[in-house]
């Protein structure tokens, strides 16, 4: 599943959420390399996140809104951390 996420350089970038197969280990660079071999450059995800399961709606579909909301919260947490670190001089 892919969604658009805020990006400081591009304005918006692609983030892929991946469910590795049972017992399978994937690396972010493997996913991006696979995509680069098969997709146009502008379609290759900039970010990859591995999940153990997708959030689902009440009808069983992947809940893209929840993925996007979780992404926004993660971005807010990252910015808060960076601002806190800067304020403390780290």
PDB file of N, CA and C in Angstrom:
ATOM      1  N   UNK A   1       0.857  -1.157   0.000  1.00  0.00           N
ATOM      2  CA  UNK A   1       0.000   0.000   0.000  1.00  0.00           C
ATOM      3  C   UNK A   1       0.906   1.222   0.000  1.00  0.00           C
ATOM      4  N   UNK A   2       0.581   2.205  -0.812  1.00  0.00           N
ATOM      5  CA  UNK A   2       1.357   3.442  -0.849  1.00  0.00           C
ATOM      6  C   UNK A   2       0.451   4.625  -0.563  1.00  0.00           C
ATOM      7  N   UNK A   3       1.039   5.642   0.083  1.00  0.00           N
ATOM      8  CA  UNK A   3       0.335   6.896   0.330  1.00  0.00           C
ATOM      9  C   UNK A   3       1.310   8.033   0.081  1.00  0.00           C
ATOM     10  N   UNK A   4       0.768   9.232  -0.096  1.00  0.00           N
ATOM     11  CA  UNK A   4       1.588  10.429  -0.176  1.00  0.00           C
ATOM     12  C   UNK A   4       1.845  10.950   1.223  1.00  0.00           C
ATOM     13  N   UNK A   5       3.088  11.377   1.479  1.00  0.00           N
ATOM     14  CA  UNK A   5       3.456  11.917   2.787  1.00  0.00           C
ATOM     15  C   UNK A   5       4.182  13.249   2.582  1.00  0.00           C
ATOM     16  N   UNK A   6       4.102  14.141   3.575  1.00  0.00           N
ATOM     17  CA  UNK A   6       4.816  15.412   3.459  1.00  0.00           C
ATOM     18  C   UNK A   6       6.320  15.188   3.318  1.00  0.00           C
ATOM     19  N   UNK A   7       6.944  16.006   2.498  1.00  0.00           N
ATOM     20  CA  UNK A   7       8.382  15.915   2.294  1.00  0.00           C
ATOM     21  C   UNK A   7       8.931  17.330   2.175  1.00  0.00           C
ATOM     22  N   UNK A   8       9.960  17.637   2.965  1.00  0.00           N
ATOM     23  CA  UNK A   8      10.522  18.985   2.978  1.00  0.00           C
ATOM     24  C   UNK A   8      11.072  19.404   1.619  1.00  0.00           C
ATOM     25  N   UNK A   9      11.654  18.490   0.891  1.00  0.00           N
ATOM     26  CA  UNK A   9      12.266  18.814  -0.400  1.00  0.00           C
ATOM     27  C   UNK A   9      11.250  18.809  -1.543  1.00  0.00           C
ATOM     28  N   UNK A  10      10.441  17.783  -1.613  1.00  0.00           N
ATOM     29  CA  UNK A  10       9.529  17.601  -2.737  1.00  0.00           C
ATOM     30  C   UNK A  10       8.120  18.147  -2.499  1.00  0.00           C
ATOM     31  N   UNK A  11       7.784  18.436  -1.253  1.00  0.00           N
ATOM     32  CA  UNK A  11       6.420  18.827  -0.914  1.00  0.00           C
ATOM     33  C   UNK A  11       5.610  17.612  -0.509  1.00  0.00           C
ATOM     34  N   UNK A  12       5.678  16.597  -1.353  1.00  0.00           N
ATOM     35  CA  UNK A  12       5.024  15.327  -1.048  1.00  0.00           C
ATOM     36  C   UNK A  12       5.836  14.208  -1.696  1.00  0.00           C
ATOM     37  N   UNK A  13       5.937  13.094  -0.976  1.00  0.00           N
ATOM     38  CA  UNK A  13       6.695  11.941  -1.467  1.00  0.00           C
ATOM     39  C   UNK A  13       5.861  10.685  -1.261  1.00  0.00           C
ATOM     40  N   UNK A  14       6.295   9.609  -1.874  1.00  0.00           N
ATOM     41  CA  UNK A  14       5.586   8.330  -1.768  1.00  0.00           C
ATOM     42  C   UNK A  14       6.177   7.514  -0.629  1.00  0.00           C
ATOM     43  N   UNK A  15       5.291   6.947   0.184  1.00  0.00           N
ATOM     44  CA  UNK A  15       5.699   6.023   1.235  1.00  0.00           C
ATOM     45  C   UNK A  15       4.972   4.713   1.000  1.00  0.00           C
ATOM     46  N   UNK A  16       5.734   3.626   1.004  1.00  0.00           N
ATOM     47  CA  UNK A  16       5.170   2.291   0.826  1.00  0.00           C
ATOM     48  C   UNK A  16       5.112   1.581   2.164  1.00  0.00           C
ATOM     49  N   UNK A  17       3.985   0.972   2.437  1.00  0.00           N
ATOM     50  CA  UNK A  17       3.816   0.123   3.616  1.00  0.00           C
ATOM     51  C   UNK A  17       3.814  -1.315   3.116  1.00  0.00           C
ATOM     52  N   UNK A  18       4.715  -2.120   3.649  1.00  0.00           N
ATOM     53  CA  UNK A  18       4.948  -3.476   3.154  1.00  0.00           C
ATOM     54  C   UNK A  18       4.668  -4.494   4.246  1.00  0.00           C
ATOM     55  N   UNK A  19       4.001  -5.581   3.868  1.00  0.00           N
ATOM     56  CA  UNK A  19       3.834  -6.744   4.737  1.00  0.00           C
ATOM     57  C   UNK A  19       4.723  -7.847   4.179  1.00  0.00           C
ATOM     58  N   UNK A  20       5.885  -8.089   4.800  1.00  0.00           N
ATOM     59  CA  UNK A  20       6.729  -9.183   4.295  1.00  0.00           C
ATOM     60  C   UNK A  20       6.004 -10.519   4.463  1.00  0.00           C
ATOM     61  N   UNK A  21       6.265 -11.436   3.579  1.00  0.00           N
ATOM     62  CA  UNK A  21       5.673 -12.763   3.693  1.00  0.00           C
ATOM     63  C   UNK A  21       6.110 -13.443   4.982  1.00  0.00           C
ATOM     64  N   UNK A  22       5.357 -14.425   5.409  1.00  0.00           N
ATOM     65  CA  UNK A  22       5.650 -15.145   6.656  1.00  0.00           C
ATOM     66  C   UNK A  22       7.074 -15.678   6.653  1.00  0.00           C
ATOM     67  N   UNK A  23       7.839 -15.305   7.667  1.00  0.00           N
ATOM     68  CA  UNK A  23       9.207 -15.774   7.794  1.00  0.00           C
ATOM     69  C   UNK A  23      10.190 -15.119   6.844  1.00  0.00           C
ATOM     70  N   UNK A  24       9.756 -14.105   6.119  1.00  0.00           N
ATOM     71  CA  UNK A  24      10.609 -13.451   5.133  1.00  0.00           C
ATOM     72  C   UNK A  24      11.117 -12.136   5.677  1.00  0.00           C
ATOM     73  N   UNK A  25      12.373 -11.845   5.411  1.00  0.00           N
ATOM     74  CA  UNK A  25      12.972 -10.585   5.826  1.00  0.00           C
ATOM     75  C   UNK A  25      13.300  -9.766   4.592  1.00  0.00           C
ATOM     76  N   UNK A  26      12.857  -8.529   4.596  1.00  0.00           N
ATOM     77  CA  UNK A  26      13.158  -7.597   3.514  1.00  0.00           C
ATOM     78  C   UNK A  26      13.845  -6.375   4.096  1.00  0.00           C
ATOM     79  N   UNK A  27      14.660  -5.742   3.288  1.00  0.00           N
ATOM     80  CA  UNK A  27      15.291  -4.494   3.662  1.00  0.00           C
ATOM     81  C   UNK A  27      14.704  -3.367   2.817  1.00  0.00           C
ATOM     82  N   UNK A  28      14.713  -2.171   3.371  1.00  0.00           N
ATOM     83  CA  UNK A  28      14.194  -1.011   2.645  1.00  0.00           C
ATOM     84  C   UNK A  28      14.870  -0.866   1.287  1.00  0.00           C
ATOM     85  N   UNK A  29      16.192  -1.032   1.254  1.00  0.00           N
ATOM     86  CA  UNK A  29      16.911  -0.857  -0.015  1.00  0.00           C
ATOM     87  C   UNK A  29      16.509  -1.926  -1.043  1.00  0.00           C
ATOM     88  N   UNK A  30      16.121  -3.120  -0.601  1.00  0.00           N
ATOM     89  CA  UNK A  30      15.651  -4.149  -1.533  1.00  0.00           C
ATOM     90  C   UNK A  30      14.335  -3.723  -2.179  1.00  0.00           C
ATOM     91  N   UNK A  31      13.432  -3.188  -1.374  1.00  0.00           N
ATOM     92  CA  UNK A  31      12.132  -2.759  -1.889  1.00  0.00           C
ATOM     93  C   UNK A  31      12.323  -1.616  -2.878  1.00  0.00           C
ATOM     94  N   UNK A  32      13.129  -0.626  -2.499  1.00  0.00           N
ATOM     95  CA  UNK A  32      13.357   0.518  -3.381  1.00  0.00           C
ATOM     96  C   UNK A  32      14.059   0.069  -4.662  1.00  0.00           C
ATOM     97  N   UNK A  33      15.038  -0.814  -4.556  1.00  0.00           N
ATOM     98  CA  UNK A  33      15.722  -1.328  -5.742  1.00  0.00           C
ATOM     99  C   UNK A  33      14.776  -2.069  -6.668  1.00  0.00           C
ATOM    100  N   UNK A  34      13.906  -2.893  -6.097  1.00  0.00           N
ATOM    101  CA  UNK A  34      12.905  -3.616  -6.883  1.00  0.00           C
ATOM    102  C   UNK A  34      12.013  -2.627  -7.634  1.00  0.00           C
ATOM    103  N   UNK A  35      11.575  -1.602  -6.936  1.00  0.00           N
ATOM    104  CA  UNK A  35      10.712  -0.590  -7.564  1.00  0.00           C
ATOM    105  C   UNK A  35      11.456   0.181  -8.651  1.00  0.00           C
ATOM    106  N   UNK A  36      12.716   0.514  -8.394  1.00  0.00           N
ATOM    107  CA  UNK A  36      13.497   1.264  -9.388  1.00  0.00           C
ATOM    108  C   UNK A  36      13.679   0.470 -10.677  1.00  0.00           C
ATOM    109  N   UNK A  37      13.759  -0.854 -10.557  1.00  0.00           N
ATOM    110  CA  UNK A  37      13.914  -1.704 -11.734  1.00  0.00           C
ATOM    111  C   UNK A  37      12.635  -1.797 -12.562  1.00  0.00           C
ATOM    112  N   UNK A  38      11.475  -1.515 -11.944  1.00  0.00           N
ATOM    113  CA  UNK A  38      10.203  -1.781 -12.614  1.00  0.00           C
ATOM    114  C   UNK A  38       9.304  -0.561 -12.819  1.00  0.00           C
ATOM    115  N   UNK A  39       9.605   0.534 -12.122  1.00  0.00           N
ATOM    116  CA  UNK A  39       8.728   1.704 -12.172  1.00  0.00           C
ATOM    117  C   UNK A  39       9.472   2.931 -12.681  1.00  0.00           C
ATOM    118  N   UNK A  40       8.709   3.901 -13.146  1.00  0.00           N
ATOM    119  CA  UNK A  40       9.286   5.191 -13.501  1.00  0.00           C
ATOM    120  C   UNK A  40       9.824   5.835 -12.228  1.00  0.00           C
ATOM    121  N   UNK A  41      10.836   6.674 -12.358  1.00  0.00           N
ATOM    122  CA  UNK A  41      11.501   7.270 -11.203  1.00  0.00           C
ATOM    123  C   UNK A  41      10.516   7.957 -10.248  1.00  0.00           C
ATOM    124  N   UNK A  42       9.576   8.715 -10.819  1.00  0.00           N
ATOM    125  CA  UNK A  42       8.652   9.474  -9.971  1.00  0.00           C
ATOM    126  C   UNK A  42       7.669   8.578  -9.215  1.00  0.00           C
ATOM    127  N   UNK A  43       7.614   7.298  -9.551  1.00  0.00           N
ATOM    128  CA  UNK A  43       6.709   6.364  -8.883  1.00  0.00           C
ATOM    129  C   UNK A  43       7.397   5.539  -7.788  1.00  0.00           C
ATOM    130  N   UNK A  44       8.710   5.665  -7.673  1.00  0.00           N
ATOM    131  CA  UNK A  44       9.477   4.888  -6.692  1.00  0.00           C
ATOM    132  C   UNK A  44       9.278   5.513  -5.308  1.00  0.00           C
ATOM    133  N   UNK A  45       8.923   4.705  -4.306  1.00  0.00           N
ATOM    134  CA  UNK A  45       8.745   5.271  -2.966  1.00  0.00           C
ATOM    135  C   UNK A  45      10.056   5.814  -2.403  1.00  0.00           C
ATOM    136  N   UNK A  46       9.941   6.941  -1.714  1.00  0.00           N
ATOM    137  CA  UNK A  46      11.092   7.516  -1.033  1.00  0.00           C
ATOM    138  C   UNK A  46      11.262   6.883   0.349  1.00  0.00           C
ATOM    139  N   UNK A  47      10.131   6.466   0.924  1.00  0.00           N
ATOM    140  CA  UNK A  47      10.128   5.878   2.256  1.00  0.00           C
ATOM    141  C   UNK A  47       9.455   4.511   2.212  1.00  0.00           C
ATOM    142  N   UNK A  48       9.924   3.617   3.074  1.00  0.00           N
ATOM    143  CA  UNK A  48       9.343   2.275   3.180  1.00  0.00           C
ATOM    144  C   UNK A  48       9.181   1.956   4.662  1.00  0.00           C
ATOM    145  N   UNK A  49       8.018   1.436   5.018  1.00  0.00           N
ATOM    146  CA  UNK A  49       7.782   0.992   6.394  1.00  0.00           C
ATOM    147  C   UNK A  49       7.220  -0.417   6.345  1.00  0.00           C
ATOM    148  N   UNK A  50       7.769  -1.285   7.185  1.00  0.00           N
ATOM    149  CA  UNK A  50       7.312  -2.664   7.256  1.00  0.00           C
ATOM    150  C   UNK A  50       6.329  -2.798   8.401  1.00  0.00           C
ATOM    151  N   UNK A  51       5.207  -3.449   8.129  1.00  0.00           N
ATOM    152  CA  UNK A  51       4.165  -3.658   9.132  1.00  0.00           C
ATOM    153  C   UNK A  51       3.913  -5.148   9.308  1.00  0.00           C
ATOM    154  N   UNK A  52       3.413  -5.501  10.484  1.00  0.00           N
ATOM    155  CA  UNK A  52       3.031  -6.897  10.703  1.00  0.00           C
ATOM    156  C   UNK A  52       1.607  -7.148  10.222  1.00  0.00           C
ATOM    157  N   UNK A  53       0.818  -6.067  10.141  1.00  0.00           N
ATOM    158  CA  UNK A  53      -0.537  -6.156   9.585  1.00  0.00           C
ATOM    159  C   UNK A  53      -0.993  -4.757   9.210  1.00  0.00           C
ATOM    160  N   UNK A  54      -1.921  -4.689   8.268  1.00  0.00           N
ATOM    161  CA  UNK A  54      -2.494  -3.409   7.872  1.00  0.00           C
ATOM    162  C   UNK A  54      -3.688  -3.095   8.764  1.00  0.00           C
ATOM    163  N   UNK A  55      -3.878  -1.812   9.083  1.00  0.00           N
ATOM    164  CA  UNK A  55      -5.129  -1.455   9.751  1.00  0.00           C
ATOM    165  C   UNK A  55      -6.278  -1.676   8.771  1.00  0.00           C
ATOM    166  N   UNK A  56      -7.393  -2.120   9.267  1.00  0.00           N
ATOM    167  CA  UNK A  56      -8.543  -2.441   8.411  1.00  0.00           C
ATOM    168  C   UNK A  56      -9.767  -1.627   8.804  1.00  0.00           C
ATOM    169  N   UNK A  57     -10.601  -1.375   7.815  1.00  0.00           N
ATOM    170  CA  UNK A  57     -11.886  -0.739   8.069  1.00  0.00           C
ATOM    171  C   UNK A  57     -12.861  -1.798   8.566  1.00  0.00           C
ATOM    172  N   UNK A  58     -14.058  -1.377   8.918  1.00  0.00           N
ATOM    173  CA  UNK A  58     -15.063  -2.339   9.389  1.00  0.00           C
ATOM    174  C   UNK A  58     -15.478  -3.313   8.291  1.00  0.00           C
ATOM    175  N   UNK A  59     -15.223  -2.952   7.034  1.00  0.00           N
ATOM    176  CA  UNK A  59     -15.563  -3.850   5.926  1.00  0.00           C
ATOM    177  C   UNK A  59     -14.375  -4.719   5.496  1.00  0.00           C
ATOM    178  N   UNK A  60     -13.248  -4.594   6.210  1.00  0.00           N
ATOM    179  CA  UNK A  60     -12.096  -5.439   5.919  1.00  0.00           C
ATOM    180  C   UNK A  60     -11.110  -4.877   4.921  1.00  0.00           C
ATOM    181  N   UNK A  61     -11.355  -3.670   4.398  1.00  0.00           N
ATOM    182  CA  UNK A  61     -10.414  -3.058   3.458  1.00  0.00           C
ATOM    183  C   UNK A  61      -9.268  -2.405   4.224  1.00  0.00           C
ATOM    184  N   UNK A  62      -8.131  -2.229   3.542  1.00  0.00           N
ATOM    185  CA  UNK A  62      -7.007  -1.538   4.162  1.00  0.00           C
ATOM    186  C   UNK A  62      -7.438  -0.107   4.469  1.00  0.00           C
ATOM    187  N   UNK A  63      -7.213   0.327   5.699  1.00  0.00           N
ATOM    188  CA  UNK A  63      -7.614   1.664   6.144  1.00  0.00           C
ATOM    189  C   UNK A  63      -6.496   2.662   5.834  1.00  0.00           C
ATOM    190  N   UNK A  64      -6.540   3.216   4.633  1.00  0.00           N
ATOM    191  CA  UNK A  64      -5.515   4.167   4.195  1.00  0.00           C
ATOM    192  C   UNK A  64      -5.535   5.441   5.032  1.00  0.00           C
ATOM    193  N   UNK A  65      -6.720   5.843   5.470  1.00  0.00           N
ATOM    194  CA  UNK A  65      -6.814   7.046   6.309  1.00  0.00           C
ATOM    195  C   UNK A  65      -6.060   6.842   7.617  1.00  0.00           C
ATOM    196  N   UNK A  66      -6.185   5.667   8.198  1.00  0.00           N
ATOM    197  CA  UNK A  66      -5.478   5.381   9.450  1.00  0.00           C
ATOM    198  C   UNK A  66      -3.967   5.358   9.214  1.00  0.00           C
ATOM    199  N   UNK A  67      -3.534   4.774   8.094  1.00  0.00           N
ATOM    200  CA  UNK A  67      -2.106   4.794   7.769  1.00  0.00           C
ATOM    201  C   UNK A  67      -1.614   6.233   7.659  1.00  0.00           C
ATOM    202  N   UNK A  68      -2.385   7.075   6.970  1.00  0.00           N
ATOM    203  CA  UNK A  68      -1.993   8.475   6.800  1.00  0.00           C
ATOM    204  C   UNK A  68      -1.998   9.215   8.138  1.00  0.00           C
ATOM    205  N   UNK A  69      -3.003   8.951   8.981  1.00  0.00           N
ATOM    206  CA  UNK A  69      -3.066   9.604  10.285  1.00  0.00           C
ATOM    207  C   UNK A  69      -1.887   9.177  11.158  1.00  0.00           C
ATOM    208  N   UNK A  70      -1.537   7.898  11.138  1.00  0.00           N
ATOM    209  CA  UNK A  70      -0.380   7.420  11.896  1.00  0.00           C
ATOM    210  C   UNK A  70       0.900   8.066  11.387  1.00  0.00           C
ATOM    211  N   UNK A  71       0.992   8.234  10.066  1.00  0.00           N
ATOM    212  CA  UNK A  71       2.159   8.873   9.472  1.00  0.00           C
ATOM    213  C   UNK A  71       2.252  10.324   9.931  1.00  0.00           C
ATOM    214  N   UNK A  72       1.137  11.029   9.954  1.00  0.00           N
ATOM    215  CA  UNK A  72       1.130  12.426  10.390  1.00  0.00           C
ATOM    216  C   UNK A  72       1.558  12.532  11.847  1.00  0.00           C
ATOM    217  N   UNK A  73       1.083  11.616  12.691  1.00  0.00           N
ATOM    218  CA  UNK A  73       1.469  11.629  14.106  1.00  0.00           C
ATOM    219  C   UNK A  73       2.955  11.357  14.247  1.00  0.00           C
ATOM    220  N   UNK A  74       3.491  10.405  13.492  1.00  0.00           N
ATOM    221  CA  UNK A  74       4.925  10.110  13.537  1.00  0.00           C
ATOM    222  C   UNK A  74       5.737  11.336  13.117  1.00  0.00           C
ATOM    223  N   UNK A  75       5.261  12.045  12.095  1.00  0.00           N
ATOM    224  CA  UNK A  75       5.947  13.252  11.615  1.00  0.00           C
ATOM    225  C   UNK A  75       5.915  14.344  12.684  1.00  0.00           C
ATOM    226  N   UNK A  76       4.781  14.520  13.351  1.00  0.00           N
ATOM    227  CA  UNK A  76       4.677  15.509  14.430  1.00  0.00           C
ATOM    228  C   UNK A  76       5.622  15.150  15.570  1.00  0.00           C
ATOM    229  N   UNK A  77       5.670  13.873  15.947  1.00  0.00           N
ATOM    230  CA  UNK A  77       6.573  13.431  17.009  1.00  0.00           C
ATOM    231  C   UNK A  77       8.030  13.701  16.640  1.00  0.00           C
ATOM    232  N   UNK A  78       8.385  13.450  15.371  1.00  0.00           N
ATOM    233  CA  UNK A  78       9.762  13.682  14.910  1.00  0.00           C
ATOM    234  C   UNK A  78      10.109  15.163  14.992  1.00  0.00           C
ATOM    235  N   UNK A  79       9.197  16.025  14.545  1.00  0.00           N
ATOM    236  CA  UNK A  79       9.448  17.471  14.596  1.00  0.00           C
ATOM    237  C   UNK A  79       9.551  17.967  16.032  1.00  0.00           C
ATOM    238  N   UNK A  80       8.677  17.465  16.914  1.00  0.00           N
ATOM    239  CA  UNK A  80       8.746  17.844  18.330  1.00  0.00           C
ATOM    240  C   UNK A  80      10.093  17.452  18.916  1.00  0.00           C
ATOM    241  N   UNK A  81      10.564  16.257  18.599  1.00  0.00           N
ATOM    242  CA  UNK A  81      11.848  15.777  19.097  1.00  0.00           C
ATOM    243  C   UNK A  81      12.979  16.664  18.588  1.00  0.00           C
ATOM    244  N   UNK A  82      12.946  16.995  17.289  1.00  0.00           N
ATOM    245  CA  UNK A  82      13.996  17.830  16.711  1.00  0.00           C
ATOM    246  C   UNK A  82      13.996  19.214  17.348  1.00  0.00           C
ATOM    247  N   UNK A  83      12.816  19.808  17.538  1.00  0.00           N
ATOM    248  CA  UNK A  83      12.741  21.130  18.152  1.00  0.00           C
ATOM    249  C   UNK A  83      13.237  21.087  19.591  1.00  0.00           C
ATOM    250  N   UNK A  84      12.895  20.036  20.316  1.00  0.00           N
ATOM    251  CA  UNK A  84      13.343  19.874  21.695  1.00  0.00           C
ATOM    252  C   UNK A  84      14.863  19.736  21.743  1.00  0.00           C
ATOM    253  N   UNK A  85      15.418  18.956  20.824  1.00  0.00           N
ATOM    254  CA  UNK A  85      16.873  18.760  20.783  1.00  0.00           C
ATOM    255  C   UNK A  85      17.584  20.056  20.451  1.00  0.00           C
ATOM    256  N   UNK A  86      17.045  20.831  19.522  1.00  0.00           N
ATOM    257  CA  UNK A  86      17.650  22.101  19.150  1.00  0.00           C
ATOM    258  C   UNK A  86      17.602  23.062  20.327  1.00  0.00           C
ATOM    259  N   UNK A  87      16.457  23.098  21.014  1.00  0.00           N
ATOM    260  CA  UNK A  87      16.297  23.994  22.166  1.00  0.00           C
ATOM    261  C   UNK A  87      17.296  23.667  23.269  1.00  0.00           C
ATOM    262  N   UNK A  88      17.639  22.382  23.431  1.00  0.00           N
ATOM    263  CA  UNK A  88      18.583  21.969  24.456  1.00  0.00           C
ATOM    264  C   UNK A  88      20.031  22.054  23.989  1.00  0.00           C
ATOM    265  N   UNK A  89      20.212  22.372  22.699  1.00  0.00           N
ATOM    266  CA  UNK A  89      21.558  22.508  22.170  1.00  0.00           C
ATOM    267  C   UNK A  89      22.226  21.217  21.762  1.00  0.00           C
ATOM    268  N   UNK A  90      21.438  20.183  21.458  1.00  0.00           N
ATOM    269  CA  UNK A  90      21.997  18.886  21.027  1.00  0.00           C
ATOM    270  C   UNK A  90      22.117  18.840  19.533  1.00  0.00           C
TER     271      UNK A  90
END
